[in-house]
N, C-alpha and C. Protein backbone atom coordinates (compact mmCIF):
# COMPACT_ATOMS: atom_id res chain seq x y z
N MET A 1 -12.89 -13.78 -10.94
CA MET A 1 -12.57 -12.31 -10.35
C MET A 1 -11.45 -13.01 -8.89
N GLN A 2 -11.84 -13.85 -8.35
CA GLN A 2 -10.84 -14.30 -7.18
C GLN A 2 -9.71 -14.71 -7.84
N THR A 3 -9.77 -15.36 -8.82
CA THR A 3 -8.52 -15.96 -9.74
C THR A 3 -7.57 -14.60 -9.81
N GLY A 4 -8.07 -13.62 -10.55
CA GLY A 4 -7.10 -12.39 -11.16
C GLY A 4 -6.76 -11.70 -9.66
N PHE A 5 -7.56 -11.86 -8.55
CA PHE A 5 -7.11 -11.24 -7.02
C PHE A 5 -5.92 -11.95 -6.49
N ILE A 6 -5.86 -13.49 -6.72
CA ILE A 6 -4.80 -14.47 -6.28
C ILE A 6 -3.59 -14.08 -7.04
N ILE A 7 -3.77 -14.15 -8.64
CA ILE A 7 -2.46 -13.91 -9.06
C ILE A 7 -2.06 -12.79 -9.20
N GLY A 8 -2.73 -11.69 -8.93
CA GLY A 8 -2.20 -10.26 -8.70
C GLY A 8 -1.24 -10.25 -7.31
N ARG A 9 -2.03 -11.01 -5.82
CA ARG A 9 -1.19 -11.15 -4.79
C ARG A 9 0.12 -11.73 -4.98
N ILE A 10 0.02 -12.76 -5.87
CA ILE A 10 1.32 -13.61 -5.84
C ILE A 10 2.28 -12.72 -6.54
N ILE A 11 1.99 -11.99 -7.68
CA ILE A 11 3.02 -11.00 -8.58
C ILE A 11 3.43 -9.87 -7.36
N LEU A 12 2.46 -9.17 -6.93
CA LEU A 12 2.90 -7.92 -6.37
C LEU A 12 3.40 -8.61 -5.12
N GLY A 13 3.14 -9.80 -4.33
CA GLY A 13 4.28 -10.38 -3.34
C GLY A 13 5.42 -10.37 -3.71
N VAL A 14 5.41 -11.31 -4.71
CA VAL A 14 6.92 -12.02 -4.98
C VAL A 14 7.63 -10.79 -5.51
N TYR A 15 7.17 -9.63 -5.78
CA TYR A 15 7.94 -8.34 -6.39
C TYR A 15 8.50 -7.79 -5.31
N TYR A 16 7.66 -7.64 -4.15
CA TYR A 16 7.90 -7.02 -2.80
C TYR A 16 9.03 -7.56 -2.25
N LEU A 17 9.15 -9.23 -2.21
CA LEU A 17 9.90 -9.87 -1.54
C LEU A 17 11.17 -9.85 -2.32
N TYR A 18 11.21 -9.94 -3.74
CA TYR A 18 12.29 -9.92 -4.46
C TYR A 18 13.08 -8.65 -4.28
N ASN A 19 12.44 -7.68 -4.37
CA ASN A 19 13.01 -6.41 -4.39
C ASN A 19 13.46 -6.05 -2.92
N GLY A 20 13.08 -6.36 -1.73
CA GLY A 20 13.20 -6.35 -0.38
C GLY A 20 14.64 -7.33 -0.58
N ILE A 21 14.80 -8.38 -0.56
CA ILE A 21 15.90 -9.28 -0.58
C ILE A 21 16.94 -8.82 -1.34
N MET A 22 16.90 -8.33 -2.67
CA MET A 22 17.76 -8.00 -3.58
C MET A 22 18.62 -6.57 -2.91
N GLY A 23 17.51 -5.76 -2.32
CA GLY A 23 18.15 -4.44 -1.74
C GLY A 23 19.20 -4.52 -0.41
N LEU A 24 18.80 -5.61 0.47
CA LEU A 24 19.50 -6.18 1.35
C LEU A 24 20.71 -6.62 0.86
N MET A 25 20.75 -7.55 -0.29
CA MET A 25 21.81 -7.85 -0.64
C MET A 25 22.92 -7.09 -1.26
N ARG A 26 22.20 -5.79 -1.79
CA ARG A 26 23.12 -4.77 -2.65
C ARG A 26 23.26 -3.37 -1.50
N LEU A 27 23.54 -3.94 -0.33
CA LEU A 27 23.39 -2.75 0.68
C LEU A 27 24.28 -2.07 0.57
N HIS A 28 25.84 -2.21 0.33
CA HIS A 28 26.66 -1.43 0.25
C HIS A 28 26.31 -0.40 -1.35
N MET A 29 25.89 -0.60 -2.20
CA MET A 29 25.78 -0.29 -3.36
C MET A 29 24.57 0.98 -3.01
N LEU A 30 23.46 0.51 -2.65
CA LEU A 30 22.20 1.50 -2.28
C LEU A 30 22.60 2.25 -0.92
N THR A 31 23.56 2.08 -0.25
CA THR A 31 23.76 2.91 1.10
C THR A 31 24.60 4.08 0.34
N GLY A 32 25.38 4.11 -0.61
CA GLY A 32 25.78 4.80 -1.36
C GLY A 32 25.18 5.78 -2.04
N TYR A 33 24.35 5.45 -2.55
CA TYR A 33 23.44 6.13 -3.41
C TYR A 33 22.23 6.75 -2.45
N ALA A 34 22.08 6.12 -1.14
CA ALA A 34 21.07 6.74 -0.37
C ALA A 34 21.73 8.05 0.33
N ALA A 35 22.97 7.93 0.59
CA ALA A 35 24.03 9.07 1.00
C ALA A 35 23.99 10.17 0.01
N SER A 36 24.09 9.82 -1.18
CA SER A 36 24.36 11.07 -2.52
C SER A 36 23.13 11.55 -2.19
N ARG A 37 21.78 10.94 -2.08
CA ARG A 37 20.37 11.67 -1.90
C ARG A 37 20.46 12.55 -0.56
N GLY A 38 21.34 12.27 0.21
CA GLY A 38 21.04 13.16 1.47
C GLY A 38 20.34 12.48 2.70
N VAL A 39 20.41 11.34 2.33
CA VAL A 39 19.64 10.76 3.40
C VAL A 39 20.22 10.40 4.94
N PRO A 40 20.01 10.68 5.92
CA PRO A 40 20.56 10.54 7.31
C PRO A 40 20.72 9.28 7.49
N ALA A 41 21.82 8.65 8.15
CA ALA A 41 22.06 7.05 8.49
C ALA A 41 21.60 6.62 7.44
N PRO A 42 22.21 6.67 6.13
CA PRO A 42 21.98 5.92 5.00
C PRO A 42 21.88 4.33 5.04
N GLU A 43 22.61 3.79 5.66
CA GLU A 43 22.78 2.21 5.72
C GLU A 43 21.64 2.07 6.48
N LEU A 44 21.34 2.40 7.78
CA LEU A 44 20.25 2.01 8.64
C LEU A 44 18.67 2.11 7.61
N GLY A 45 18.58 3.37 6.69
CA GLY A 45 17.47 3.67 6.09
C GLY A 45 17.39 2.49 5.13
N VAL A 46 18.13 2.09 4.51
CA VAL A 46 18.21 1.01 3.44
C VAL A 46 18.10 -0.28 4.05
N ILE A 47 18.45 -0.57 5.43
CA ILE A 47 18.10 -1.65 5.90
C ILE A 47 16.49 -1.80 6.10
N VAL A 48 16.05 -0.56 6.63
CA VAL A 48 14.61 -0.65 6.97
C VAL A 48 13.87 -0.62 5.86
N ALA A 49 14.29 0.14 4.95
CA ALA A 49 13.45 0.26 3.53
C ALA A 49 13.26 -1.27 3.34
N HIS A 50 14.20 -2.14 3.15
CA HIS A 50 14.14 -3.26 2.41
C HIS A 50 13.26 -4.36 3.22
N LEU A 51 13.60 -3.97 4.58
CA LEU A 51 12.77 -5.05 5.55
C LEU A 51 11.30 -4.67 5.38
N LEU A 52 10.87 -3.64 5.40
CA LEU A 52 9.66 -3.02 4.99
C LEU A 52 9.07 -3.40 3.83
N LEU A 53 9.78 -4.09 2.77
CA LEU A 53 9.24 -4.39 1.42
C LEU A 53 9.11 -5.82 1.78
N ILE A 54 9.86 -6.46 2.38
CA ILE A 54 10.08 -7.78 2.61
C ILE A 54 8.63 -8.06 3.60
N VAL A 55 8.39 -7.40 4.62
CA VAL A 55 7.29 -7.30 5.36
C VAL A 55 5.67 -7.56 4.53
N ALA A 56 5.79 -6.46 3.40
CA ALA A 56 4.65 -6.08 2.66
C ALA A 56 4.37 -7.23 1.74
N GLY A 57 5.70 -7.56 1.22
CA GLY A 57 5.64 -8.94 0.05
C GLY A 57 4.96 -10.22 1.11
N PHE A 58 5.43 -10.35 2.13
CA PHE A 58 4.93 -11.69 3.03
C PHE A 58 3.52 -11.44 3.17
N CYS A 59 3.00 -10.50 3.72
CA CYS A 59 1.74 -10.14 4.18
C CYS A 59 0.82 -10.43 2.80
N PHE A 60 1.09 -9.64 1.96
CA PHE A 60 0.55 -9.45 0.61
C PHE A 60 0.34 -11.38 -0.31
N LEU A 61 1.39 -11.99 -0.16
CA LEU A 61 1.84 -13.15 -0.62
C LEU A 61 0.87 -13.97 0.19
N THR A 62 0.83 -14.08 1.40
CA THR A 62 0.36 -15.15 2.28
C THR A 62 -1.08 -14.69 2.56
N GLY A 63 -1.23 -13.42 2.73
CA GLY A 63 -2.69 -12.70 3.01
C GLY A 63 -2.78 -12.94 4.40
N TRP A 64 -1.54 -12.88 5.53
CA TRP A 64 -1.31 -12.96 6.88
C TRP A 64 -1.17 -11.50 7.10
N LYS A 65 -2.13 -10.94 7.68
CA LYS A 65 -2.04 -9.49 8.13
C LYS A 65 -2.03 -8.40 7.49
N PRO A 66 -2.85 -8.36 6.25
CA PRO A 66 -2.83 -7.66 5.10
C PRO A 66 -2.64 -6.09 5.23
N VAL A 67 -3.13 -5.57 6.39
CA VAL A 67 -3.34 -4.25 7.00
C VAL A 67 -1.81 -3.95 7.10
N TRP A 68 -1.00 -4.96 7.68
CA TRP A 68 0.23 -4.46 8.13
C TRP A 68 1.11 -4.43 7.20
N GLY A 69 0.90 -5.26 5.97
CA GLY A 69 1.60 -5.01 4.74
C GLY A 69 1.00 -3.56 3.65
N VAL A 70 -0.13 -3.34 4.05
CA VAL A 70 -0.49 -1.59 3.54
C VAL A 70 0.50 -0.50 4.31
N ILE A 71 0.24 -1.10 5.66
CA ILE A 71 1.22 0.39 6.47
C ILE A 71 2.75 -0.09 6.10
N ALA A 72 3.39 -1.29 6.00
CA ALA A 72 4.72 -1.16 5.81
C ALA A 72 4.84 -0.85 4.55
N ALA A 73 4.18 -0.67 3.39
CA ALA A 73 4.48 -0.56 1.97
C ALA A 73 4.43 1.20 1.89
N VAL A 74 3.29 1.76 2.68
CA VAL A 74 2.90 3.16 2.45
C VAL A 74 4.50 3.66 3.50
N ILE A 75 4.67 3.35 4.45
CA ILE A 75 5.92 3.87 5.33
C ILE A 75 7.01 3.60 4.30
N PHE A 76 7.09 2.62 3.68
CA PHE A 76 8.26 2.70 2.60
C PHE A 76 8.17 3.65 1.61
N PHE A 77 7.06 3.65 0.67
CA PHE A 77 6.80 4.73 -0.41
C PHE A 77 7.21 6.04 -0.23
N VAL A 78 6.50 6.31 1.10
CA VAL A 78 6.31 7.83 1.18
C VAL A 78 7.92 8.36 1.03
N PRO A 79 8.35 8.16 2.02
CA PRO A 79 9.64 8.77 1.92
C PRO A 79 10.89 8.28 0.39
N VAL A 80 10.71 7.26 0.26
CA VAL A 80 11.24 6.71 -0.82
C VAL A 80 11.16 7.30 -2.17
N THR A 81 9.74 7.56 -2.33
CA THR A 81 9.13 8.45 -3.71
C THR A 81 9.37 9.73 -3.47
N PHE A 82 9.00 10.44 -2.21
CA PHE A 82 9.36 12.10 -2.48
C PHE A 82 10.83 12.46 -2.34
N PHE A 83 11.78 11.47 -1.57
CA PHE A 83 13.04 12.13 -1.26
C PHE A 83 14.29 11.29 -2.41
N MET A 84 14.00 9.93 -2.31
CA MET A 84 15.05 9.47 -3.24
C MET A 84 14.60 9.69 -4.76
N HIS A 85 13.36 10.06 -5.50
CA HIS A 85 13.19 10.28 -6.74
C HIS A 85 12.70 11.46 -6.84
N ALA A 86 13.03 12.68 -6.47
CA ALA A 86 12.32 13.96 -6.42
C ALA A 86 12.75 14.42 -7.86
N PHE A 87 11.96 14.29 -8.87
CA PHE A 87 12.71 14.57 -10.18
C PHE A 87 12.75 15.80 -10.49
N TRP A 88 11.90 16.56 -9.67
CA TRP A 88 12.10 17.96 -9.84
C TRP A 88 13.32 18.74 -9.28
N THR A 89 14.30 18.17 -8.70
CA THR A 89 15.40 18.51 -8.12
C THR A 89 16.50 18.27 -9.28
N GLU A 90 15.99 17.41 -10.24
CA GLU A 90 17.29 16.81 -11.24
C GLU A 90 17.37 18.22 -12.40
N THR A 91 18.43 18.54 -12.63
CA THR A 91 18.73 19.35 -14.09
C THR A 91 19.16 18.77 -15.03
N ASP A 92 19.78 17.26 -15.03
CA ASP A 92 19.76 16.84 -16.58
C ASP A 92 18.46 15.79 -17.04
N PRO A 93 18.28 16.35 -18.09
CA PRO A 93 16.83 15.79 -18.52
C PRO A 93 16.69 14.30 -18.41
N GLN A 94 17.86 13.54 -18.78
CA GLN A 94 17.51 12.03 -18.93
C GLN A 94 17.39 11.67 -17.37
N MET A 95 18.40 12.52 -16.41
CA MET A 95 18.20 11.89 -14.88
C MET A 95 16.65 12.01 -14.43
N GLN A 96 15.92 13.60 -14.99
CA GLN A 96 15.25 13.86 -14.49
C GLN A 96 13.64 12.58 -14.97
N MET A 97 13.73 12.60 -16.34
CA MET A 97 13.23 11.33 -16.78
C MET A 97 12.94 10.08 -16.25
N GLN A 98 14.54 9.80 -15.77
CA GLN A 98 14.39 8.06 -14.84
C GLN A 98 13.62 8.69 -13.44
N GLN A 99 13.96 9.45 -13.00
CA GLN A 99 13.52 9.68 -11.59
C GLN A 99 11.90 10.02 -11.69
N MET A 100 11.27 10.56 -12.71
CA MET A 100 9.86 10.66 -12.78
C MET A 100 9.34 9.49 -13.31
N ILE A 101 10.10 8.53 -13.64
CA ILE A 101 9.55 7.24 -14.10
C ILE A 101 9.55 6.52 -12.72
N HIS A 102 10.43 6.36 -12.10
CA HIS A 102 10.61 5.86 -10.61
C HIS A 102 9.48 6.16 -9.72
N PHE A 103 9.46 7.80 -9.52
CA PHE A 103 8.25 8.55 -8.79
C PHE A 103 6.94 8.36 -9.26
N THR A 104 6.58 8.04 -10.62
CA THR A 104 5.17 7.48 -10.72
C THR A 104 5.19 6.24 -10.55
N LYS A 105 5.85 5.25 -10.92
CA LYS A 105 5.75 3.94 -10.46
C LYS A 105 5.44 3.54 -8.91
N ASN A 106 6.36 4.36 -8.34
CA ASN A 106 6.02 3.94 -6.80
C ASN A 106 4.85 4.58 -6.20
N LEU A 107 3.99 5.70 -6.76
CA LEU A 107 3.00 5.96 -6.56
C LEU A 107 1.86 5.19 -6.96
N ALA A 108 1.99 4.33 -8.04
CA ALA A 108 1.08 3.55 -8.40
C ALA A 108 1.08 2.32 -7.58
N LEU A 109 2.46 1.89 -7.31
CA LEU A 109 2.59 0.85 -6.36
C LEU A 109 1.86 1.21 -5.06
N MET A 110 1.93 2.20 -4.55
CA MET A 110 1.34 2.85 -3.27
C MET A 110 -0.29 2.40 -3.34
N GLY A 111 -0.55 2.99 -4.39
CA GLY A 111 -1.70 3.18 -4.66
C GLY A 111 -2.40 1.64 -4.68
N SER A 112 -1.88 0.71 -5.43
CA SER A 112 -2.49 -0.82 -5.52
C SER A 112 -2.25 -1.42 -3.94
N ALA A 113 -1.28 -0.91 -3.07
CA ALA A 113 -1.36 -1.42 -1.93
C ALA A 113 -2.54 -0.97 -1.12
N LEU A 114 -3.03 0.30 -1.15
CA LEU A 114 -4.05 0.91 -0.62
C LEU A 114 -5.20 0.41 -0.79
N MET A 115 -5.31 -0.15 -2.25
CA MET A 115 -6.76 -0.92 -2.42
C MET A 115 -6.78 -2.08 -1.68
N PHE A 116 -6.04 -2.76 -1.46
CA PHE A 116 -5.81 -3.74 -0.31
C PHE A 116 -7.09 -3.70 0.77
N LEU A 117 -6.86 -2.41 1.15
CA LEU A 117 -7.74 -2.25 2.44
C LEU A 117 -9.35 -2.42 2.12
N ALA A 118 -9.40 -2.28 0.70
CA ALA A 118 -11.22 -2.45 0.51
C ALA A 118 -11.28 -3.88 0.17
N ILE A 119 -10.26 -4.84 0.49
CA ILE A 119 -10.83 -6.31 0.45
C ILE A 119 -11.16 -6.93 1.39
N PRO A 120 -12.45 -7.55 1.70
CA PRO A 120 -12.76 -8.16 3.00
C PRO A 120 -11.62 -9.21 3.39
N GLN A 121 -11.48 -9.30 4.61
CA GLN A 121 -10.77 -10.43 5.16
C GLN A 121 -11.58 -11.49 6.00
N PRO A 122 -10.95 -12.56 5.95
CA PRO A 122 -9.70 -12.80 5.48
C PRO A 122 -9.77 -13.23 4.21
N TRP A 123 -8.73 -13.31 3.51
CA TRP A 123 -8.52 -13.22 1.92
C TRP A 123 -8.63 -14.58 1.69
N ARG A 124 -8.99 -14.99 0.74
CA ARG A 124 -9.37 -16.48 0.00
C ARG A 124 -7.91 -16.96 0.00
N PHE A 125 -7.67 -18.15 0.21
CA PHE A 125 -6.23 -18.85 0.29
C PHE A 125 -5.14 -17.95 0.83
N SER A 126 -5.59 -17.60 2.26
CA SER A 126 -4.73 -16.92 3.18
C SER A 126 -4.11 -17.74 4.17
N LEU A 127 -3.09 -17.29 4.74
CA LEU A 127 -2.92 -18.10 6.06
C LEU A 127 -3.82 -17.99 7.07
N ARG A 128 -4.50 -16.68 7.16
CA ARG A 128 -5.36 -16.59 8.19
C ARG A 128 -6.78 -17.27 8.05
N ALA A 129 -6.96 -17.40 6.56
CA ALA A 129 -8.14 -18.02 6.29
C ALA A 129 -7.87 -19.76 6.63
N GLY A 130 -7.04 -20.41 6.51
CA GLY A 130 -6.58 -21.62 6.75
C GLY A 130 -6.52 -21.70 8.05
N VAL A 131 -5.89 -20.72 8.95
CA VAL A 131 -5.79 -20.96 10.41
C VAL A 131 -7.47 -20.94 10.80
N ALA A 132 -8.23 -19.96 10.27
CA ALA A 132 -9.70 -19.73 10.85
C ALA A 132 -10.23 -21.19 10.62
N ALA A 133 -10.49 -21.48 9.45
CA ALA A 133 -11.12 -22.78 8.77
C ALA A 133 -10.34 -23.85 9.70
N GLY A 134 -9.19 -24.04 10.10
CA GLY A 134 -8.77 -24.95 11.05
C GLY A 134 -9.21 -25.20 12.34
N LEU A 135 -9.61 -23.73 12.89
CA LEU A 135 -10.03 -23.79 14.32
C LEU A 135 -11.57 -23.97 14.07
N ARG A 136 -12.38 -23.78 13.18
CA ARG A 136 -13.64 -24.22 12.80
C ARG A 136 -13.85 -25.66 12.83
N ARG A 137 -12.85 -26.61 12.10
CA ARG A 137 -13.19 -27.81 12.21
C ARG A 137 -12.66 -28.41 13.50
N ARG A 138 -11.86 -27.68 14.34
CA ARG A 138 -11.69 -28.49 15.51
C ARG A 138 -12.96 -28.01 16.69
N ALA A 139 -13.26 -27.03 16.57
CA ALA A 139 -14.34 -26.77 17.54
C ALA A 139 -15.67 -27.41 16.79
N THR A 140 -15.95 -27.78 15.70
CA THR A 140 -16.98 -28.64 15.53
C THR A 140 -16.99 -30.29 15.62
N ALA A 141 -15.40 -30.37 15.86
CA ALA A 141 -15.15 -31.93 16.05
C ALA A 141 -15.57 -32.56 17.56
């Protein structure tokens, strides 16, 4: 069971980190898309959104402050899912389907992030577990 959790953490953490970094690298393009969706201060919104993904990815990948990772993911997903992927506002059937796919994917990713709250901490093979083990070793030495 632990092996699956660790593999899942790595996959999800890398996914968030990759998308956060790539989003910042595509800032100009994503800013234009955010502006077209009516986002106020679209450049700032894109930067903050992708920094949140980087925080979530780092926290999940390393196990350091996973609750912060959940909070960052939820803060990212709520506005992005409901405003950027509002499939119900699309008139073109292809665009509506594409936005619905992104909407449901984001809901699933947000759900997976929320499930991390049920995992006892510190997570095995996490930065926090390593620090705690090191402190225990020093205390007994």
